[in-house]
Amino acid sequence: MKRSRFSDEQIIGILKEHQAGMSAADLCRKYGVSDATFHKRRSKYGGMEVSEAKPLKTLEEENAKLKTLLAESMMDVSTLGEMLGKNF
């Protein structure tokens, strides 16, 4: 996954500029992001404060680890099932 050029704090600052009245098209031009990226970030970080962004990032990292563990365990179960099916 490609890393963002902007930190969570910077993204929230950009969104606060939008809430203050600056248009989305002007912000996209100013910061060099696409319209789709701006709206995606607005849906993720909209109405959020900087202090709320850190726990969100921690939860996302933990969720990614848990998904990896789940995928590995499902693969193990599938492999064991195939091995047992062949032996019996």
PDB file of N, CA and C in Angstrom:
ATOM      1  N   MET A   1       0.838  -1.166   0.000  1.00  0.00           N
ATOM      2  CA  MET A   1       0.000   0.000   0.000  1.00  0.00           C
ATOM      3  C   MET A   1       0.892   1.241   0.000  1.00  0.00           C
ATOM      4  N   LYS A   2       0.551   2.196  -0.858  1.00  0.00           N
ATOM      5  CA  LYS A   2       1.339   3.410  -0.970  1.00  0.00           C
ATOM      6  C   LYS A   2       1.105   4.313   0.237  1.00  0.00           C
ATOM      7  N   ARG A   3       2.177   4.862   0.763  1.00  0.00           N
ATOM      8  CA  ARG A   3       2.080   5.777   1.900  1.00  0.00           C
ATOM      9  C   ARG A   3       1.616   7.138   1.442  1.00  0.00           C
ATOM     10  N   SER A   4       0.858   7.783   2.264  1.00  0.00           N
ATOM     11  CA  SER A   4       0.350   9.111   1.973  1.00  0.00           C
ATOM     12  C   SER A   4       1.452  10.145   2.138  1.00  0.00           C
ATOM     13  N   ARG A   5       1.403  11.193   1.317  1.00  0.00           N
ATOM     14  CA  ARG A   5       2.355  12.290   1.467  1.00  0.00           C
ATOM     15  C   ARG A   5       2.011  13.134   2.679  1.00  0.00           C
ATOM     16  N   PHE A   6       0.782  13.023   3.135  1.00  0.00           N
ATOM     17  CA  PHE A   6       0.300  13.855   4.227  1.00  0.00           C
ATOM     18  C   PHE A   6       0.067  13.011   5.469  1.00  0.00           C
ATOM     19  N   SER A   7       0.399  13.579   6.626  1.00  0.00           N
ATOM     20  CA  SER A   7       0.118  12.895   7.886  1.00  0.00           C
ATOM     21  C   SER A   7      -1.367  13.053   8.200  1.00  0.00           C
ATOM     22  N   ASP A   8      -1.833  12.291   9.179  1.00  0.00           N
ATOM     23  CA  ASP A   8      -3.237  12.394   9.585  1.00  0.00           C
ATOM     24  C   ASP A   8      -3.564  13.811  10.044  1.00  0.00           C
ATOM     25  N   GLU A   9      -2.634  14.432  10.748  1.00  0.00           N
ATOM     26  CA  GLU A   9      -2.848  15.786  11.237  1.00  0.00           C
ATOM     27  C   GLU A   9      -3.001  16.773  10.086  1.00  0.00           C
ATOM     28  N   GLN A  10      -2.178  16.615   9.044  1.00  0.00           N
ATOM     29  CA  GLN A  10      -2.262  17.495   7.889  1.00  0.00           C
ATOM     30  C   GLN A  10      -3.580  17.297   7.137  1.00  0.00           C
ATOM     31  N   ILE A  11      -4.013  16.050   7.006  1.00  0.00           N
ATOM     32  CA  ILE A  11      -5.263  15.761   6.321  1.00  0.00           C
ATOM     33  C   ILE A  11      -6.424  16.406   7.066  1.00  0.00           C
ATOM     34  N   ILE A  12      -6.423  16.291   8.381  1.00  0.00           N
ATOM     35  CA  ILE A  12      -7.495  16.895   9.178  1.00  0.00           C
ATOM     36  C   ILE A  12      -7.455  18.420   9.031  1.00  0.00           C
ATOM     37  N   GLY A  13      -6.255  18.996   8.958  1.00  0.00           N
ATOM     38  CA  GLY A  13      -6.130  20.440   8.742  1.00  0.00           C
ATOM     39  C   GLY A  13      -6.704  20.865   7.401  1.00  0.00           C
ATOM     40  N   ILE A  14      -6.445  20.081   6.374  1.00  0.00           N
ATOM     41  CA  ILE A  14      -6.992  20.375   5.041  1.00  0.00           C
ATOM     42  C   ILE A  14      -8.511  20.310   5.081  1.00  0.00           C
ATOM     43  N   LEU A  15      -9.049  19.311   5.750  1.00  0.00           N
ATOM     44  CA  LEU A  15     -10.501  19.180   5.835  1.00  0.00           C
ATOM     45  C   LEU A  15     -11.125  20.322   6.641  1.00  0.00           C
ATOM     46  N   LYS A  16     -10.392  20.819   7.625  1.00  0.00           N
ATOM     47  CA  LYS A  16     -10.891  21.970   8.392  1.00  0.00           C
ATOM     48  C   LYS A  16     -10.942  23.218   7.508  1.00  0.00           C
ATOM     49  N   GLU A  17      -9.982  23.342   6.575  1.00  0.00           N
ATOM     50  CA  GLU A  17     -10.031  24.443   5.613  1.00  0.00           C
ATOM     51  C   GLU A  17     -11.297  24.349   4.765  1.00  0.00           C
ATOM     52  N   HIS A  18     -11.655  23.135   4.386  1.00  0.00           N
ATOM     53  CA  HIS A  18     -12.875  22.922   3.595  1.00  0.00           C
ATOM     54  C   HIS A  18     -14.107  23.313   4.407  1.00  0.00           C
ATOM     55  N   GLN A  19     -14.122  22.951   5.679  1.00  0.00           N
ATOM     56  CA  GLN A  19     -15.251  23.303   6.531  1.00  0.00           C
ATOM     57  C   GLN A  19     -15.335  24.810   6.738  1.00  0.00           C
ATOM     58  N   ALA A  20     -14.195  25.490   6.670  1.00  0.00           N
ATOM     59  CA  ALA A  20     -14.173  26.937   6.848  1.00  0.00           C
ATOM     60  C   ALA A  20     -14.716  27.679   5.631  1.00  0.00           C
ATOM     61  N   GLY A  21     -14.886  26.972   4.522  1.00  0.00           N
ATOM     62  CA  GLY A  21     -15.504  27.612   3.367  1.00  0.00           C
ATOM     63  C   GLY A  21     -14.731  27.505   2.076  1.00  0.00           C
ATOM     64  N   MET A  22     -13.534  26.974   2.076  1.00  0.00           N
ATOM     65  CA  MET A  22     -12.775  26.837   0.844  1.00  0.00           C
ATOM     66  C   MET A  22     -13.344  25.678   0.030  1.00  0.00           C
ATOM     67  N   SER A  23     -13.408  25.831  -1.275  1.00  0.00           N
ATOM     68  CA  SER A  23     -14.017  24.789  -2.106  1.00  0.00           C
ATOM     69  C   SER A  23     -13.091  23.582  -2.234  1.00  0.00           C
ATOM     70  N   ALA A  24     -13.694  22.445  -2.490  1.00  0.00           N
ATOM     71  CA  ALA A  24     -12.935  21.201  -2.613  1.00  0.00           C
ATOM     72  C   ALA A  24     -11.992  21.259  -3.812  1.00  0.00           C
ATOM     73  N   ALA A  25     -12.452  21.849  -4.909  1.00  0.00           N
ATOM     74  CA  ALA A  25     -11.612  21.944  -6.105  1.00  0.00           C
ATOM     75  C   ALA A  25     -10.370  22.797  -5.839  1.00  0.00           C
ATOM     76  N   ASP A  26     -10.530  23.908  -5.112  1.00  0.00           N
ATOM     77  CA  ASP A  26      -9.380  24.757  -4.783  1.00  0.00           C
ATOM     78  C   ASP A  26      -8.394  24.034  -3.885  1.00  0.00           C
ATOM     79  N   LEU A  27      -8.908  23.299  -2.912  1.00  0.00           N
ATOM     80  CA  LEU A  27      -8.024  22.547  -2.010  1.00  0.00           C
ATOM     81  C   LEU A  27      -7.275  21.455  -2.762  1.00  0.00           C
ATOM     82  N   CYS A  28      -7.960  20.781  -3.667  1.00  0.00           N
ATOM     83  CA  CYS A  28      -7.306  19.724  -4.455  1.00  0.00           C
ATOM     84  C   CYS A  28      -6.166  20.313  -5.282  1.00  0.00           C
ATOM     85  N   ARG A  29      -6.405  21.458  -5.895  1.00  0.00           N
ATOM     86  CA  ARG A  29      -5.375  22.121  -6.686  1.00  0.00           C
ATOM     87  C   ARG A  29      -4.220  22.584  -5.795  1.00  0.00           C
ATOM     88  N   LYS A  30      -4.552  23.153  -4.656  1.00  0.00           N
ATOM     89  CA  LYS A  30      -3.538  23.700  -3.751  1.00  0.00           C
ATOM     90  C   LYS A  30      -2.604  22.618  -3.217  1.00  0.00           C
ATOM     91  N   TYR A  31      -3.160  21.456  -2.850  1.00  0.00           N
ATOM     92  CA  TYR A  31      -2.357  20.401  -2.234  1.00  0.00           C
ATOM     93  C   TYR A  31      -1.975  19.284  -3.198  1.00  0.00           C
ATOM     94  N   GLY A  32      -2.439  19.348  -4.430  1.00  0.00           N
ATOM     95  CA  GLY A  32      -2.037  18.378  -5.440  1.00  0.00           C
ATOM     96  C   GLY A  32      -2.612  16.991  -5.229  1.00  0.00           C
ATOM     97  N   VAL A  33      -3.874  16.922  -4.821  1.00  0.00           N
ATOM     98  CA  VAL A  33      -4.534  15.629  -4.668  1.00  0.00           C
ATOM     99  C   VAL A  33      -5.731  15.573  -5.615  1.00  0.00           C
ATOM    100  N   SER A  34      -6.141  14.381  -5.949  1.00  0.00           N
ATOM    101  CA  SER A  34      -7.290  14.238  -6.839  1.00  0.00           C
ATOM    102  C   SER A  34      -8.583  14.468  -6.064  1.00  0.00           C
ATOM    103  N   ASP A  35      -9.634  14.729  -6.813  1.00  0.00           N
ATOM    104  CA  ASP A  35     -10.946  14.949  -6.210  1.00  0.00           C
ATOM    105  C   ASP A  35     -11.408  13.694  -5.470  1.00  0.00           C
ATOM    106  N   ALA A  36     -11.139  12.529  -6.067  1.00  0.00           N
ATOM    107  CA  ALA A  36     -11.547  11.268  -5.440  1.00  0.00           C
ATOM    108  C   ALA A  36     -10.824  11.056  -4.112  1.00  0.00           C
ATOM    109  N   THR A  37      -9.535  11.377  -4.075  1.00  0.00           N
ATOM    110  CA  THR A  37      -8.761  11.238  -2.842  1.00  0.00           C
ATOM    111  C   THR A  37      -9.298  12.165  -1.765  1.00  0.00           C
ATOM    112  N   PHE A  38      -9.621  13.392  -2.160  1.00  0.00           N
ATOM    113  CA  PHE A  38     -10.157  14.351  -1.195  1.00  0.00           C
ATOM    114  C   PHE A  38     -11.449  13.831  -0.581  1.00  0.00           C
ATOM    115  N   HIS A  39     -12.367  13.332  -1.408  1.00  0.00           N
ATOM    116  CA  HIS A  39     -13.652  12.865  -0.897  1.00  0.00           C
ATOM    117  C   HIS A  39     -13.512  11.584  -0.076  1.00  0.00           C
ATOM    118  N   LYS A  40     -12.563  10.747  -0.450  1.00  0.00           N
ATOM    119  CA  LYS A  40     -12.302   9.535   0.325  1.00  0.00           C
ATOM    120  C   LYS A  40     -11.782   9.888   1.718  1.00  0.00           C
ATOM    121  N   ARG A  41     -10.871  10.846   1.765  1.00  0.00           N
ATOM    122  CA  ARG A  41     -10.335  11.280   3.064  1.00  0.00           C
ATOM    123  C   ARG A  41     -11.402  11.999   3.874  1.00  0.00           C
ATOM    124  N   ARG A  42     -12.263  12.748   3.205  1.00  0.00           N
ATOM    125  CA  ARG A  42     -13.328  13.448   3.923  1.00  0.00           C
ATOM    126  C   ARG A  42     -14.282  12.452   4.566  1.00  0.00           C
ATOM    127  N   SER A  43     -14.550  11.338   3.864  1.00  0.00           N
ATOM    128  CA  SER A  43     -15.445  10.340   4.454  1.00  0.00           C
ATOM    129  C   SER A  43     -14.779   9.618   5.624  1.00  0.00           C
ATOM    130  N   LYS A  44     -13.449   9.491   5.580  1.00  0.00           N
ATOM    131  CA  LYS A  44     -12.744   8.795   6.652  1.00  0.00           C
ATOM    132  C   LYS A  44     -12.468   9.708   7.847  1.00  0.00           C
ATOM    133  N   TYR A  45     -12.005  10.925   7.598  1.00  0.00           N
ATOM    134  CA  TYR A  45     -11.565  11.817   8.662  1.00  0.00           C
ATOM    135  C   TYR A  45     -12.528  12.967   8.941  1.00  0.00           C
ATOM    136  N   GLY A  46     -13.628  13.064   8.222  1.00  0.00           N
ATOM    137  CA  GLY A  46     -14.539  14.195   8.363  1.00  0.00           C
ATOM    138  C   GLY A  46     -15.065  14.356   9.777  1.00  0.00           C
ATOM    139  N   GLY A  47     -14.987  15.561  10.320  1.00  0.00           N
ATOM    140  CA  GLY A  47     -15.476  15.838  11.662  1.00  0.00           C
ATOM    141  C   GLY A  47     -14.587  15.321  12.776  1.00  0.00           C
ATOM    142  N   MET A  48     -13.418  14.839  12.428  1.00  0.00           N
ATOM    143  CA  MET A  48     -12.519  14.248  13.416  1.00  0.00           C
ATOM    144  C   MET A  48     -11.495  15.281  13.882  1.00  0.00           C
ATOM    145  N   GLU A  49     -11.104  15.174  15.130  1.00  0.00           N
ATOM    146  CA  GLU A  49     -10.044  16.010  15.670  1.00  0.00           C
ATOM    147  C   GLU A  49      -8.727  15.239  15.611  1.00  0.00           C
ATOM    148  N   VAL A  50      -7.620  15.955  15.729  1.00  0.00           N
ATOM    149  CA  VAL A  50      -6.296  15.334  15.656  1.00  0.00           C
ATOM    150  C   VAL A  50      -6.130  14.285  16.749  1.00  0.00           C
ATOM    151  N   SER A  51      -6.661  14.565  17.944  1.00  0.00           N
ATOM    152  CA  SER A  51      -6.515  13.626  19.058  1.00  0.00           C
ATOM    153  C   SER A  51      -7.246  12.309  18.801  1.00  0.00           C
ATOM    154  N   GLU A  52      -8.247  12.318  17.930  1.00  0.00           N
ATOM    155  CA  GLU A  52      -8.991  11.099  17.610  1.00  0.00           C
ATOM    156  C   GLU A  52      -8.319  10.294  16.503  1.00  0.00           C
ATOM    157  N   ALA A  53      -7.394  10.882  15.769  1.00  0.00           N
ATOM    158  CA  ALA A  53      -6.760  10.212  14.640  1.00  0.00           C
ATOM    159  C   ALA A  53      -5.774   9.135  15.088  1.00  0.00           C
ATOM    160  N   LYS A  54      -5.058   9.373  16.177  1.00  0.00           N
ATOM    161  CA  LYS A  54      -4.073   8.393  16.641  1.00  0.00           C
ATOM    162  C   LYS A  54      -4.712   7.069  17.060  1.00  0.00           C
ATOM    163  N   PRO A  55      -5.783   7.082  17.868  1.00  0.00           N
ATOM    164  CA  PRO A  55      -6.423   5.803  18.186  1.00  0.00           C
ATOM    165  C   PRO A  55      -6.977   5.095  16.953  1.00  0.00           C
ATOM    166  N   LEU A  56      -7.460   5.863  15.982  1.00  0.00           N
ATOM    167  CA  LEU A  56      -7.965   5.266  14.746  1.00  0.00           C
ATOM    168  C   LEU A  56      -6.857   4.510  14.018  1.00  0.00           C
ATOM    169  N   LYS A  57      -5.691   5.136  13.931  1.00  0.00           N
ATOM    170  CA  LYS A  57      -4.565   4.498  13.255  1.00  0.00           C
ATOM    171  C   LYS A  57      -4.136   3.223  13.990  1.00  0.00           C
ATOM    172  N   THR A  58      -4.128   3.269  15.317  1.00  0.00           N
ATOM    173  CA  THR A  58      -3.778   2.099  16.119  1.00  0.00           C
ATOM    174  C   THR A  58      -4.769   0.962  15.872  1.00  0.00           C
ATOM    175  N   LEU A  59      -6.046   1.303  15.842  1.00  0.00           N
ATOM    176  CA  LEU A  59      -7.070   0.284  15.589  1.00  0.00           C
ATOM    177  C   LEU A  59      -6.945  -0.311  14.195  1.00  0.00           C
ATOM    178  N   GLU A  60      -6.611   0.517  13.198  1.00  0.00           N
ATOM    179  CA  GLU A  60      -6.443   0.019  11.835  1.00  0.00           C
ATOM    180  C   GLU A  60      -5.268  -0.947  11.747  1.00  0.00           C
ATOM    181  N   GLU A  61      -4.165  -0.618  12.421  1.00  0.00           N
ATOM    182  CA  GLU A  61      -2.999  -1.502  12.421  1.00  0.00           C
ATOM    183  C   GLU A  61      -3.323  -2.827  13.097  1.00  0.00           C
ATOM    184  N   GLU A  62      -4.019  -2.768  14.223  1.00  0.00           N
ATOM    185  CA  GLU A  62      -4.398  -3.980  14.939  1.00  0.00           C
ATOM    186  C   GLU A  62      -5.347  -4.832  14.094  1.00  0.00           C
ATOM    187  N   ASN A  63      -6.263  -4.184  13.415  1.00  0.00           N
ATOM    188  CA  ASN A  63      -7.205  -4.890  12.545  1.00  0.00           C
ATOM    189  C   ASN A  63      -6.476  -5.597  11.408  1.00  0.00           C
ATOM    190  N   ALA A  64      -5.471  -4.950  10.833  1.00  0.00           N
ATOM    191  CA  ALA A  64      -4.696  -5.563   9.753  1.00  0.00           C
ATOM    192  C   ALA A  64      -3.954  -6.810  10.261  1.00  0.00           C
ATOM    193  N   LYS A  65      -3.397  -6.727  11.462  1.00  0.00           N
ATOM    194  CA  LYS A  65      -2.705  -7.889  12.040  1.00  0.00           C
ATOM    195  C   LYS A  65      -3.678  -9.042  12.275  1.00  0.00           C
ATOM    196  N   LEU A  66      -4.851  -8.715  12.805  1.00  0.00           N
ATOM    197  CA  LEU A  66      -5.847  -9.758  13.076  1.00  0.00           C
ATOM    198  C   LEU A  66      -6.340 -10.411  11.784  1.00  0.00           C
ATOM    199  N   LYS A  67      -6.504  -9.622  10.741  1.00  0.00           N
ATOM    200  CA  LYS A  67      -6.924 -10.185   9.452  1.00  0.00           C
ATOM    201  C   LYS A  67      -5.866 -11.135   8.907  1.00  0.00           C
ATOM    202  N   THR A  68      -4.593 -10.770   9.074  1.00  0.00           N
ATOM    203  CA  THR A  68      -3.505 -11.640   8.631  1.00  0.00           C
ATOM    204  C   THR A  68      -3.512 -12.947   9.412  1.00  0.00           C
ATOM    205  N   LEU A  69      -3.679 -12.858  10.724  1.00  0.00           N
ATOM    206  CA  LEU A  69      -3.731 -14.063  11.553  1.00  0.00           C
ATOM    207  C   LEU A  69      -4.906 -14.959  11.168  1.00  0.00           C
ATOM    208  N   LEU A  70      -6.059 -14.348  10.905  1.00  0.00           N
ATOM    209  CA  LEU A  70      -7.229 -15.116  10.505  1.00  0.00           C
ATOM    210  C   LEU A  70      -6.991 -15.820   9.174  1.00  0.00           C
ATOM    211  N   ALA A  71      -6.400 -15.121   8.221  1.00  0.00           N
ATOM    212  CA  ALA A  71      -6.128 -15.720   6.916  1.00  0.00           C
ATOM    213  C   ALA A  71      -5.162 -16.893   7.048  1.00  0.00           C
ATOM    214  N   GLU A  72      -4.135 -16.729   7.879  1.00  0.00           N
ATOM    215  CA  GLU A  72      -3.175 -17.810   8.081  1.00  0.00           C
ATOM    216  C   GLU A  72      -3.832 -19.020   8.731  1.00  0.00           C
ATOM    217  N   SER A  73      -4.673 -18.797   9.740  1.00  0.00           N
ATOM    218  CA  SER A  73      -5.329 -19.925  10.406  1.00  0.00           C
ATOM    219  C   SER A  73      -6.316 -20.617   9.472  1.00  0.00           C
ATOM    220  N   MET A  74      -7.010 -19.853   8.628  1.00  0.00           N
ATOM    221  CA  MET A  74      -7.924 -20.469   7.667  1.00  0.00           C
ATOM    222  C   MET A  74      -7.153 -21.315   6.651  1.00  0.00           C
ATOM    223  N   MET A  75      -5.978 -20.846   6.274  1.00  0.00           N
ATOM    224  CA  MET A  75      -5.139 -21.594   5.344  1.00  0.00           C
ATOM    225  C   MET A  75      -4.670 -22.891   5.997  1.00  0.00           C
ATOM    226  N   ASP A  76      -4.297 -22.829   7.275  1.00  0.00           N
ATOM    227  CA  ASP A  76      -3.876 -24.020   8.003  1.00  0.00           C
ATOM    228  C   ASP A  76      -5.010 -25.037   8.089  1.00  0.00           C
ATOM    229  N   VAL A  77      -6.207 -24.569   8.401  1.00  0.00           N
ATOM    230  CA  VAL A  77      -7.358 -25.462   8.501  1.00  0.00           C
ATOM    231  C   VAL A  77      -7.646 -26.108   7.149  1.00  0.00           C
ATOM    232  N   SER A  78      -7.565 -25.315   6.093  1.00  0.00           N
ATOM    233  CA  SER A  78      -7.815 -25.836   4.754  1.00  0.00           C
ATOM    234  C   SER A  78      -6.777 -26.903   4.379  1.00  0.00           C
ATOM    235  N   THR A  79      -5.521 -26.625   4.678  1.00  0.00           N
ATOM    236  CA  THR A  79      -4.446 -27.581   4.373  1.00  0.00           C
ATOM    237  C   THR A  79      -4.633 -28.870   5.169  1.00  0.00           C
ATOM    238  N   LEU A  80      -4.957 -28.755   6.454  1.00  0.00           N
ATOM    239  CA  LEU A  80      -5.176 -29.953   7.274  1.00  0.00           C
ATOM    240  C   LEU A  80      -6.370 -30.750   6.770  1.00  0.00           C
ATOM    241  N   GLY A  81      -7.407 -30.065   6.357  1.00  0.00           N
ATOM    242  CA  GLY A  81      -8.587 -30.753   5.815  1.00  0.00           C
ATOM    243  C   GLY A  81      -8.251 -31.522   4.541  1.00  0.00           C
ATOM    244  N   GLU A  82      -7.453 -30.923   3.681  1.00  0.00           N
ATOM    245  CA  GLU A  82      -7.044 -31.610   2.450  1.00  0.00           C
ATOM    246  C   GLU A  82      -6.178 -32.830   2.756  1.00  0.00           C
ATOM    247  N   MET A  83      -5.276 -32.692   3.733  1.00  0.00           N
ATOM    248  CA  MET A  83      -4.404 -33.811   4.098  1.00  0.00           C
ATOM    249  C   MET A  83      -5.204 -34.952   4.703  1.00  0.00           C
ATOM    250  N   LEU A  84      -6.158 -34.657   5.566  1.00  0.00           N
ATOM    251  CA  LEU A  84      -6.977 -35.691   6.174  1.00  0.00           C
ATOM    252  C   LEU A  84      -7.868 -36.364   5.141  1.00  0.00           C
ATOM    253  N   GLY A  85      -8.344 -35.580   4.183  1.00  0.00           N
ATOM    254  CA  GLY A  85      -9.200 -36.140   3.136  1.00  0.00           C
ATOM    255  C   GLY A  85      -8.459 -37.118   2.268  1.00  0.00           C
ATOM    256  N   LYS A  86      -7.183 -36.914   2.019  1.00  0.00           N
ATOM    257  CA  LYS A  86      -6.396 -37.789   1.173  1.00  0.00           C
ATOM    258  C   LYS A  86      -6.009 -39.084   1.910  1.00  0.00           C
ATOM    259  N   ASN A  87      -5.753 -38.987   3.214  1.00  0.00           N
ATOM    260  CA  ASN A  87      -5.306 -40.147   3.996  1.00  0.00           C
ATOM    261  C   ASN A  87      -6.441 -41.107   4.292  1.00  0.00           C
ATOM    262  N   PHE A  88      -7.667 -40.601   4.422  1.00  0.00           N
ATOM    263  CA  PHE A  88      -8.748 -41.481   4.832  1.00  0.00           C
ATOM    264  C   PHE A  88      -9.667 -41.729   3.712  1.00  0.00           C
TER     265      PHE A  88
END
